[in-house]
Full PDB file with SEQRES, HELIX, SHEET, SSBOND, CRYST1, ORIGX, SCALE, CONECT and MASTER records, all heavy atoms in Angstrom:
SEQRES   1 A   31  GLN ALA TRP VAL GLU SER LEU ARG HIS HIS ASP ASP GLU          
SEQRES   2 A   31  ARG ARG GLY LEU THR ASP LEU HIS PRO ASP VAL PHE ALA          
SEQRES   3 A   31  VAL ARG PRO ARG LEU                                          
HELIX    1 AA1 PRO A   22  PHE A   25  1                                   4    
SHEET    1 AA1 2 ALA A   2  VAL A   4  0                                        
SHEET    2 AA1 2 GLY A  16  THR A  18 -1                                        
CRYST1    1.000    1.000    1.000  90.00  90.00  90.00 P 1           1          
ORIGX1      1.000000  0.000000  0.000000        0.00000                         
ORIGX2      0.000000  1.000000  0.000000        0.00000                         
ORIGX3      0.000000  0.000000  1.000000        0.00000                         
SCALE1      1.000000  0.000000  0.000000        0.00000                         
SCALE2      0.000000  1.000000  0.000000        0.00000                         
SCALE3      0.000000  0.000000  1.000000        0.00000                         
ATOM      1  N   GLN A   1      -2.291  -5.505  -3.455  1.00  0.00           N  
ATOM      2  CA  GLN A   1      -1.491  -5.445  -2.239  1.00  0.00           C  
ATOM      3  C   GLN A   1      -0.469  -4.328  -2.317  1.00  0.00           C  
ATOM      4  O   GLN A   1      -0.040  -3.927  -3.406  1.00  0.00           O  
ATOM      5  CB  GLN A   1      -0.779  -6.782  -1.993  1.00  0.00           C  
ATOM      6  CG  GLN A   1      -1.714  -7.921  -1.634  1.00  0.00           C  
ATOM      7  CD  GLN A   1      -0.976  -9.195  -1.316  1.00  0.00           C  
ATOM      8  OE1 GLN A   1       0.140  -9.415  -1.783  1.00  0.00           O  
ATOM      9  NE2 GLN A   1      -1.586 -10.050  -0.504  1.00  0.00           N  
ATOM     10  N   ALA A   2      -0.107  -3.833  -1.142  1.00  0.00           N  
ATOM     11  CA  ALA A   2       0.908  -2.784  -1.029  1.00  0.00           C  
ATOM     12  C   ALA A   2       1.710  -3.035   0.238  1.00  0.00           C  
ATOM     13  O   ALA A   2       1.217  -3.633   1.196  1.00  0.00           O  
ATOM     14  CB  ALA A   2       0.259  -1.399  -0.989  1.00  0.00           C  
ATOM     15  N   TRP A   3       2.941  -2.562   0.234  1.00  0.00           N  
ATOM     16  CA  TRP A   3       3.801  -2.724   1.405  1.00  0.00           C  
ATOM     17  C   TRP A   3       3.376  -1.772   2.512  1.00  0.00           C  
ATOM     18  O   TRP A   3       2.952  -0.641   2.250  1.00  0.00           O  
ATOM     19  CB  TRP A   3       5.263  -2.452   1.040  1.00  0.00           C  
ATOM     20  CG  TRP A   3       5.912  -3.543   0.237  1.00  0.00           C  
ATOM     21  CD1 TRP A   3       6.216  -3.522  -1.090  1.00  0.00           C  
ATOM     22  CD2 TRP A   3       6.329  -4.823   0.729  1.00  0.00           C  
ATOM     23  NE1 TRP A   3       6.792  -4.701  -1.469  1.00  0.00           N  
ATOM     24  CE2 TRP A   3       6.886  -5.521  -0.369  1.00  0.00           C  
ATOM     25  CE3 TRP A   3       6.298  -5.439   1.977  1.00  0.00           C  
ATOM     26  CZ2 TRP A   3       7.394  -6.800  -0.247  1.00  0.00           C  
ATOM     27  CZ3 TRP A   3       6.805  -6.724   2.095  1.00  0.00           C  
ATOM     28  CH2 TRP A   3       7.355  -7.385   0.992  1.00  0.00           C  
ATOM     29  N   VAL A   4       3.513  -2.221   3.743  1.00  0.00           N  
ATOM     30  CA  VAL A   4       3.242  -1.396   4.915  1.00  0.00           C  
ATOM     31  C   VAL A   4       4.580  -0.906   5.465  1.00  0.00           C  
ATOM     32  O   VAL A   4       5.475  -1.707   5.738  1.00  0.00           O  
ATOM     33  CB  VAL A   4       2.474  -2.187   5.994  1.00  0.00           C  
ATOM     34  CG1 VAL A   4       2.243  -1.324   7.219  1.00  0.00           C  
ATOM     35  CG2 VAL A   4       1.152  -2.673   5.429  1.00  0.00           C  
ATOM     36  N   GLU A   5       4.686   0.406   5.622  1.00  0.00           N  
ATOM     37  CA  GLU A   5       5.925   1.010   6.096  1.00  0.00           C  
ATOM     38  C   GLU A   5       5.730   1.551   7.510  1.00  0.00           C  
ATOM     39  O   GLU A   5       4.647   1.466   8.087  1.00  0.00           O  
ATOM     40  CB  GLU A   5       6.362   2.129   5.138  1.00  0.00           C  
ATOM     41  CG  GLU A   5       6.463   1.688   3.687  1.00  0.00           C  
ATOM     42  CD  GLU A   5       6.783   2.843   2.757  1.00  0.00           C  
ATOM     43  OE1 GLU A   5       7.191   3.908   3.257  1.00  0.00           O  
ATOM     44  OE2 GLU A   5       6.626   2.677   1.529  1.00  0.00           O  
ATOM     45  N   SER A   6       6.797   2.124   8.044  1.00  0.00           N  
ATOM     46  CA  SER A   6       6.750   2.724   9.371  1.00  0.00           C  
ATOM     47  C   SER A   6       7.563   4.009   9.352  1.00  0.00           C  
ATOM     48  O   SER A   6       8.532   4.139   8.590  1.00  0.00           O  
ATOM     49  CB  SER A   6       7.301   1.760  10.425  1.00  0.00           C  
ATOM     50  OG  SER A   6       7.325   2.379  11.701  1.00  0.00           O  
ATOM     51  N   LEU A   7       7.163   4.944  10.204  1.00  0.00           N  
ATOM     52  CA  LEU A   7       7.875   6.219  10.305  1.00  0.00           C  
ATOM     53  C   LEU A   7       8.870   6.231  11.452  1.00  0.00           C  
ATOM     54  O   LEU A   7       9.478   7.264  11.729  1.00  0.00           O  
ATOM     55  CB  LEU A   7       6.873   7.372  10.504  1.00  0.00           C  
ATOM     56  CG  LEU A   7       5.794   7.534   9.433  1.00  0.00           C  
ATOM     57  CD1 LEU A   7       4.923   8.733   9.746  1.00  0.00           C  
ATOM     58  CD2 LEU A   7       6.404   7.681   8.043  1.00  0.00           C  
ATOM     59  N   ARG A   8       9.057   5.096  12.116  1.00  0.00           N  
ATOM     60  CA  ARG A   8       9.930   5.065  13.294  1.00  0.00           C  
ATOM     61  C   ARG A   8      11.412   5.032  12.930  1.00  0.00           C  
ATOM     62  O   ARG A   8      12.250   5.399  13.748  1.00  0.00           O  
ATOM     63  CB  ARG A   8       9.593   3.852  14.159  1.00  0.00           C  
ATOM     64  CG  ARG A   8       8.192   3.906  14.755  1.00  0.00           C  
ATOM     65  CD  ARG A   8       7.903   2.677  15.596  1.00  0.00           C  
ATOM     66  NE  ARG A   8       6.579   2.740  16.191  1.00  0.00           N  
ATOM     67  CZ  ARG A   8       5.469   2.332  15.595  1.00  0.00           C  
ATOM     68  NH1 ARG A   8       5.534   1.836  14.366  1.00  0.00           N  
ATOM     69  NH2 ARG A   8       4.302   2.425  16.209  1.00  0.00           N  
ATOM     70  N   HIS A   9      11.717   4.566  11.714  1.00  0.00           N  
ATOM     71  CA  HIS A   9      13.123   4.488  11.299  1.00  0.00           C  
ATOM     72  C   HIS A   9      13.182   4.611   9.785  1.00  0.00           C  
ATOM     73  O   HIS A   9      12.246   4.252   9.074  1.00  0.00           O  
ATOM     74  CB  HIS A   9      13.767   3.172  11.762  1.00  0.00           C  
ATOM     75  CG  HIS A   9      15.253   3.185  11.667  1.00  0.00           C  
ATOM     76  ND1 HIS A   9      15.924   2.768  10.536  1.00  0.00           N  
ATOM     77  CD2 HIS A   9      16.208   3.582  12.550  1.00  0.00           C  
ATOM     78  CE1 HIS A   9      17.229   2.887  10.725  1.00  0.00           C  
ATOM     79  NE2 HIS A   9      17.432   3.381  11.940  1.00  0.00           N  
ATOM     80  N   HIS A  10      14.311   5.110   9.288  1.00  0.00           N  
ATOM     81  CA  HIS A  10      14.449   5.320   7.849  1.00  0.00           C  
ATOM     82  C   HIS A  10      14.377   4.017   7.072  1.00  0.00           C  
ATOM     83  O   HIS A  10      13.803   3.960   5.978  1.00  0.00           O  
ATOM     84  CB  HIS A  10      15.781   6.024   7.550  1.00  0.00           C  
ATOM     85  CG  HIS A  10      15.787   7.468   7.953  1.00  0.00           C  
ATOM     86  ND1 HIS A  10      15.482   7.891   9.215  1.00  0.00           N  
ATOM     87  CD2 HIS A  10      16.059   8.601   7.238  1.00  0.00           C  
ATOM     88  CE1 HIS A  10      15.564   9.205   9.284  1.00  0.00           C  
ATOM     89  NE2 HIS A  10      15.916   9.671   8.097  1.00  0.00           N  
ATOM     90  N   ASP A  11      14.973   2.942   7.610  1.00  0.00           N  
ATOM     91  CA  ASP A  11      15.048   1.670   6.885  1.00  0.00           C  
ATOM     92  C   ASP A  11      13.850   0.767   7.138  1.00  0.00           C  
ATOM     93  O   ASP A  11      13.794  -0.326   6.583  1.00  0.00           O  
ATOM     94  CB  ASP A  11      16.324   0.923   7.281  1.00  0.00           C  
ATOM     95  CG  ASP A  11      17.569   1.681   6.858  1.00  0.00           C  
ATOM     96  OD1 ASP A  11      17.531   2.316   5.787  1.00  0.00           O  
ATOM     97  OD2 ASP A  11      18.574   1.640   7.595  1.00  0.00           O  
ATOM     98  N   ASP A  12      12.915   1.195   7.951  1.00  0.00           N  
ATOM     99  CA  ASP A  12      11.757   0.357   8.287  1.00  0.00           C  
ATOM    100  C   ASP A  12      10.676   0.544   7.226  1.00  0.00           C  
ATOM    101  O   ASP A  12       9.625   1.138   7.464  1.00  0.00           O  
ATOM    102  CB  ASP A  12      11.228   0.728   9.672  1.00  0.00           C  
ATOM    103  CG  ASP A  12      10.397  -0.393  10.275  1.00  0.00           C  
ATOM    104  OD1 ASP A  12      10.242  -1.421   9.583  1.00  0.00           O  
ATOM    105  OD2 ASP A  12       9.928  -0.247  11.403  1.00  0.00           O  
ATOM    106  N   GLU A  13      10.966   0.020   6.009  1.00  0.00           N  
ATOM    107  CA  GLU A  13      10.091   0.264   4.870  1.00  0.00           C  
ATOM    108  C   GLU A  13       9.131  -0.885   4.581  1.00  0.00           C  
ATOM    109  O   GLU A  13       8.098  -0.675   3.949  1.00  0.00           O  
ATOM    110  CB  GLU A  13      10.932   0.526   3.607  1.00  0.00           C  
ATOM    111  CG  GLU A  13      11.786   1.778   3.675  1.00  0.00           C  
ATOM    112  CD  GLU A  13      12.448   2.078   2.348  1.00  0.00           C  
ATOM    113  OE1 GLU A  13      11.756   2.050   1.329  1.00  0.00           O  
ATOM    114  OE2 GLU A  13      13.662   2.329   2.330  1.00  0.00           O  
ATOM    115  N   ARG A  14       9.451  -2.100   5.000  1.00  0.00           N  
ATOM    116  CA  ARG A  14       8.623  -3.256   4.643  1.00  0.00           C  
ATOM    117  C   ARG A  14       8.334  -4.082   5.898  1.00  0.00           C  
ATOM    118  O   ARG A  14       9.047  -5.020   6.226  1.00  0.00           O  
ATOM    119  CB  ARG A  14       9.319  -4.113   3.588  1.00  0.00           C  
ATOM    120  CG  ARG A  14       9.502  -3.368   2.271  1.00  0.00           C  
ATOM    121  CD  ARG A  14      10.064  -4.274   1.186  1.00  0.00           C  
ATOM    122  NE  ARG A  14      10.152  -3.575  -0.087  1.00  0.00           N  
ATOM    123  CZ  ARG A  14      10.572  -4.119  -1.220  1.00  0.00           C  
ATOM    124  NH1 ARG A  14      10.960  -5.384  -1.222  1.00  0.00           N  
ATOM    125  NH2 ARG A  14      10.604  -3.425  -2.334  1.00  0.00           N  
ATOM    126  N   ARG A  15       7.287  -3.715   6.575  1.00  0.00           N  
ATOM    127  CA  ARG A  15       6.869  -4.446   7.770  1.00  0.00           C  
ATOM    128  C   ARG A  15       5.912  -5.585   7.431  1.00  0.00           C  
ATOM    129  O   ARG A  15       5.685  -6.480   8.232  1.00  0.00           O  
ATOM    130  CB  ARG A  15       6.198  -3.499   8.762  1.00  0.00           C  
ATOM    131  CG  ARG A  15       7.084  -2.382   9.231  1.00  0.00           C  
ATOM    132  CD  ARG A  15       6.381  -1.507  10.234  1.00  0.00           C  
ATOM    133  NE  ARG A  15       6.027  -2.239  11.438  1.00  0.00           N  
ATOM    134  CZ  ARG A  15       6.817  -2.371  12.483  1.00  0.00           C  
ATOM    135  NH1 ARG A  15       8.019  -1.817  12.460  1.00  0.00           N  
ATOM    136  NH2 ARG A  15       6.425  -3.033  13.541  1.00  0.00           N  
ATOM    137  N   GLY A  16       5.321  -5.538   6.256  1.00  0.00           N  
ATOM    138  CA  GLY A  16       4.368  -6.555   5.829  1.00  0.00           C  
ATOM    139  C   GLY A  16       3.552  -6.038   4.662  1.00  0.00           C  
ATOM    140  O   GLY A  16       3.871  -5.011   4.056  1.00  0.00           O  
ATOM    141  N   LEU A  17       2.487  -6.759   4.344  1.00  0.00           N  
ATOM    142  CA  LEU A  17       1.619  -6.405   3.234  1.00  0.00           C  
ATOM    143  C   LEU A  17       0.222  -6.084   3.750  1.00  0.00           C  
ATOM    144  O   LEU A  17      -0.188  -6.540   4.813  1.00  0.00           O  
ATOM    145  CB  LEU A  17       1.538  -7.550   2.220  1.00  0.00           C  
ATOM    146  CG  LEU A  17       2.817  -7.876   1.450  1.00  0.00           C  
ATOM    147  CD1 LEU A  17       2.637  -9.161   0.666  1.00  0.00           C  
ATOM    148  CD2 LEU A  17       3.202  -6.738   0.523  1.00  0.00           C  
ATOM    149  N   THR A  18      -0.493  -5.320   2.983  1.00  0.00           N  
ATOM    150  CA  THR A  18      -1.891  -5.034   3.267  1.00  0.00           C  
ATOM    151  C   THR A  18      -2.710  -5.249   2.001  1.00  0.00           C  
ATOM    152  O   THR A  18      -2.254  -4.927   0.895  1.00  0.00           O  
ATOM    153  CB  THR A  18      -2.078  -3.596   3.780  1.00  0.00           C  
ATOM    154  OG1 THR A  18      -3.469  -3.334   3.972  1.00  0.00           O  
ATOM    155  CG2 THR A  18      -1.528  -2.586   2.800  1.00  0.00           C  
ATOM    156  N   ASP A  19      -3.879  -5.805   2.162  1.00  0.00           N  
ATOM    157  CA  ASP A  19      -4.794  -6.001   1.041  1.00  0.00           C  
ATOM    158  C   ASP A  19      -5.613  -4.732   0.833  1.00  0.00           C  
ATOM    159  O   ASP A  19      -6.128  -4.144   1.790  1.00  0.00           O  
ATOM    160  CB  ASP A  19      -5.734  -7.176   1.314  1.00  0.00           C  
ATOM    161  CG  ASP A  19      -5.015  -8.516   1.236  1.00  0.00           C  
ATOM    162  OD1 ASP A  19      -3.938  -8.547   0.607  1.00  0.00           O  
ATOM    163  OD2 ASP A  19      -5.525  -9.500   1.790  1.00  0.00           O  
ATOM    164  N   LEU A  20      -5.736  -4.334  -0.419  1.00  0.00           N  
ATOM    165  CA  LEU A  20      -6.521  -3.155  -0.789  1.00  0.00           C  
ATOM    166  C   LEU A  20      -7.679  -3.609  -1.671  1.00  0.00           C  
ATOM    167  O   LEU A  20      -7.507  -4.428  -2.568  1.00  0.00           O  
ATOM    168  CB  LEU A  20      -5.648  -2.134  -1.527  1.00  0.00           C  
ATOM    169  CG  LEU A  20      -4.384  -1.668  -0.787  1.00  0.00           C  
ATOM    170  CD1 LEU A  20      -3.578  -0.723  -1.661  1.00  0.00           C  
ATOM    171  CD2 LEU A  20      -4.752  -0.997   0.517  1.00  0.00           C  
ATOM    172  N   HIS A  21      -8.843  -3.050  -1.414  1.00  0.00           N  
ATOM    173  CA  HIS A  21     -10.030  -3.480  -2.160  1.00  0.00           C  
ATOM    174  C   HIS A  21      -9.915  -3.044  -3.621  1.00  0.00           C  
ATOM    175  O   HIS A  21      -9.613  -1.885  -3.915  1.00  0.00           O  
ATOM    176  CB  HIS A  21     -11.285  -2.869  -1.532  1.00  0.00           C  
ATOM    177  CG  HIS A  21     -12.528  -3.633  -1.848  1.00  0.00           C  
ATOM    178  ND1 HIS A  21     -13.131  -3.589  -3.085  1.00  0.00           N  
ATOM    179  CD2 HIS A  21     -13.273  -4.487  -1.102  1.00  0.00           C  
ATOM    180  CE1 HIS A  21     -14.216  -4.352  -3.076  1.00  0.00           C  
ATOM    181  NE2 HIS A  21     -14.321  -4.917  -1.890  1.00  0.00           N  
ATOM    182  N   PRO A  22     -10.155  -3.958  -4.560  1.00  0.00           N  
ATOM    183  CA  PRO A  22      -9.980  -3.600  -5.977  1.00  0.00           C  
ATOM    184  C   PRO A  22     -11.000  -2.597  -6.485  1.00  0.00           C  
ATOM    185  O   PRO A  22     -10.730  -1.904  -7.470  1.00  0.00           O  
ATOM    186  CB  PRO A  22     -10.125  -4.955  -6.692  1.00  0.00           C  
ATOM    187  CG  PRO A  22     -10.928  -5.801  -5.762  1.00  0.00           C  
ATOM    188  CD  PRO A  22     -10.550  -5.373  -4.381  1.00  0.00           C  
ATOM    189  N   ASP A  23     -12.170  -2.490  -5.848  1.00  0.00           N  
ATOM    190  CA  ASP A  23     -13.171  -1.525  -6.292  1.00  0.00           C  
ATOM    191  C   ASP A  23     -12.880  -0.116  -5.816  1.00  0.00           C  
ATOM    192  O   ASP A  23     -13.623   0.816  -6.147  1.00  0.00           O  
ATOM    193  CB  ASP A  23     -14.560  -1.950  -5.799  1.00  0.00           C  
ATOM    194  CG  ASP A  23     -15.052  -3.203  -6.508  1.00  0.00           C  
ATOM    195  OD1 ASP A  23     -14.544  -3.480  -7.614  1.00  0.00           O  
ATOM    196  OD2 ASP A  23     -15.922  -3.908  -5.956  1.00  0.00           O  
ATOM    197  N   VAL A  24     -11.808   0.058  -5.044  1.00  0.00           N  
ATOM    198  CA  VAL A  24     -11.403   1.387  -4.589  1.00  0.00           C  
ATOM    199  C   VAL A  24     -10.025   1.750  -5.123  1.00  0.00           C  
ATOM    200  O   VAL A  24      -9.801   2.872  -5.580  1.00  0.00           O  
ATOM    201  CB  VAL A  24     -11.413   1.466  -3.044  1.00  0.00           C  
ATOM    202  CG1 VAL A  24     -10.900   2.828  -2.561  1.00  0.00           C  
ATOM    203  CG2 VAL A  24     -12.810   1.219  -2.508  1.00  0.00           C  
ATOM    204  N   PHE A  25      -9.096   0.801  -5.113  1.00  0.00           N  
ATOM    205  CA  PHE A  25      -7.713   1.066  -5.482  1.00  0.00           C  
ATOM    206  C   PHE A  25      -7.320   0.439  -6.812  1.00  0.00           C  
ATOM    207  O   PHE A  25      -6.130   0.460  -7.156  1.00  0.00           O  
ATOM    208  CB  PHE A  25      -6.780   0.549  -4.382  1.00  0.00           C  
ATOM    209  CG  PHE A  25      -6.916   1.279  -3.082  1.00  0.00           C  
ATOM    210  CD1 PHE A  25      -7.789   0.830  -2.109  1.00  0.00           C  
ATOM    211  CD2 PHE A  25      -6.176   2.426  -2.822  1.00  0.00           C  
ATOM    212  CE1 PHE A  25      -7.921   1.498  -0.894  1.00  0.00           C  
ATOM    213  CE2 PHE A  25      -6.303   3.100  -1.628  1.00  0.00           C  
ATOM    214  CZ  PHE A  25      -7.172   2.640  -0.660  1.00  0.00           C  
ATOM    215  N   ALA A  26      -8.262  -0.120  -7.562  1.00  0.00           N  
ATOM    216  CA  ALA A  26      -7.921  -0.727  -8.858  1.00  0.00           C  
ATOM    217  C   ALA A  26      -9.088  -0.559  -9.829  1.00  0.00           C  
ATOM    218  O   ALA A  26      -9.518  -1.522 -10.460  1.00  0.00           O  
ATOM    219  CB  ALA A  26      -7.554  -2.192  -8.686  1.00  0.00           C  
ATOM    220  N   VAL A  27      -9.594   0.661  -9.965  1.00  0.00           N  
ATOM    221  CA  VAL A  27     -10.677   0.928 -10.907  1.00  0.00           C  
ATOM    222  C   VAL A  27     -10.081   1.414 -12.230  1.00  0.00           C  
ATOM    223  O   VAL A  27      -8.882   1.621 -12.363  1.00  0.00           O  
ATOM    224  CB  VAL A  27     -11.659   1.974 -10.328  1.00  0.00           C  
ATOM    225  CG1 VAL A  27     -12.291   1.474  -9.049  1.00  0.00           C  
ATOM    226  CG2 VAL A  27     -10.954   3.293 -10.076  1.00  0.00           C  
ATOM    227  N   ARG A  28     -10.957   1.592 -13.206  1.00  0.00           N  
ATOM    228  CA  ARG A  28     -10.498   2.058 -14.513  1.00  0.00           C  
ATOM    229  C   ARG A  28     -10.041   3.519 -14.405  1.00  0.00           C  
ATOM    230  O   ARG A  28     -10.761   4.366 -13.869  1.00  0.00           O  
ATOM    231  CB  ARG A  28     -11.634   1.949 -15.529  1.00  0.00           C  
ATOM    232  CG  ARG A  28     -11.212   2.304 -16.957  1.00  0.00           C  
ATOM    233  CD  ARG A  28     -12.425   2.305 -17.867  1.00  0.00           C  
ATOM    234  NE  ARG A  28     -13.047   0.996 -17.889  1.00  0.00           N  
ATOM    235  CZ  ARG A  28     -12.693   0.012 -18.705  1.00  0.00           C  
ATOM    236  NH1 ARG A  28     -11.697   0.206 -19.562  1.00  0.00           N  
ATOM    237  NH2 ARG A  28     -13.314  -1.141 -18.674  1.00  0.00           N  
ATOM    238  N   PRO A  29      -8.844   3.856 -14.903  1.00  0.00           N  
ATOM    239  CA  PRO A  29      -8.341   5.233 -14.775  1.00  0.00           C  
ATOM    240  C   PRO A  29      -9.067   6.197 -15.720  1.00  0.00           C  
ATOM    241  O   PRO A  29      -8.662   6.390 -16.871  1.00  0.00           O  
ATOM    242  CB  PRO A  29      -6.854   5.102 -15.118  1.00  0.00           C  
ATOM    243  CG  PRO A  29      -6.764   3.882 -15.973  1.00  0.00           C  
ATOM    244  CD  PRO A  29      -7.849   2.952 -15.516  1.00  0.00           C  
ATOM    245  N   ARG A  30     -10.114   6.818 -15.241  1.00  0.00           N  
ATOM    246  CA  ARG A  30     -10.917   7.761 -16.026  1.00  0.00           C  
ATOM    247  C   ARG A  30     -10.368   9.177 -15.855  1.00  0.00           C  
ATOM    248  O   ARG A  30     -10.643   9.856 -14.867  1.00  0.00           O  
ATOM    249  CB  ARG A  30     -12.365   7.690 -15.572  1.00  0.00           C  
ATOM    250  CG  ARG A  30     -13.061   6.357 -15.833  1.00  0.00           C  
ATOM    251  CD  ARG A  30     -13.514   6.272 -17.273  1.00  0.00           C  
ATOM    252  NE  ARG A  30     -14.383   7.376 -17.602  1.00  0.00           N  
ATOM    253  CZ  ARG A  30     -15.704   7.392 -17.401  1.00  0.00           C  
ATOM    254  NH1 ARG A  30     -16.287   6.336 -16.850  1.00  0.00           N  
ATOM    255  NH2 ARG A  30     -16.434   8.434 -17.741  1.00  0.00           N  
ATOM    256  N   LEU A  31      -9.575   9.638 -16.816  1.00  0.00           N  
ATOM    257  CA  LEU A  31      -9.029  10.985 -16.727  1.00  0.00           C  
ATOM    258  C   LEU A  31     -10.108  12.051 -16.893  1.00  0.00           C  
ATOM    259  O   LEU A  31      -9.973  13.161 -16.362  1.00  0.00           O  
ATOM    260  CB  LEU A  31      -7.931  11.175 -17.786  1.00  0.00           C  
ATOM    261  CG  LEU A  31      -6.706  10.251 -17.646  1.00  0.00           C  
ATOM    262  CD1 LEU A  31      -5.675  10.601 -18.695  1.00  0.00           C  
ATOM    263  CD2 LEU A  31      -6.106  10.360 -16.256  1.00  0.00           C  
TER     264      LEU A  31                                                      
MASTER        0    0    0    1    2    0    0    6  263    1    0    3          
END                                                                             
């Protein structure tokens, strides 16, 4: 999960959460 932000205001940083697929955003870090 990651926080969802907005560009409408400086303090509008946490509007909610979004689920991210683990096979795309949580794979083994292969340098």
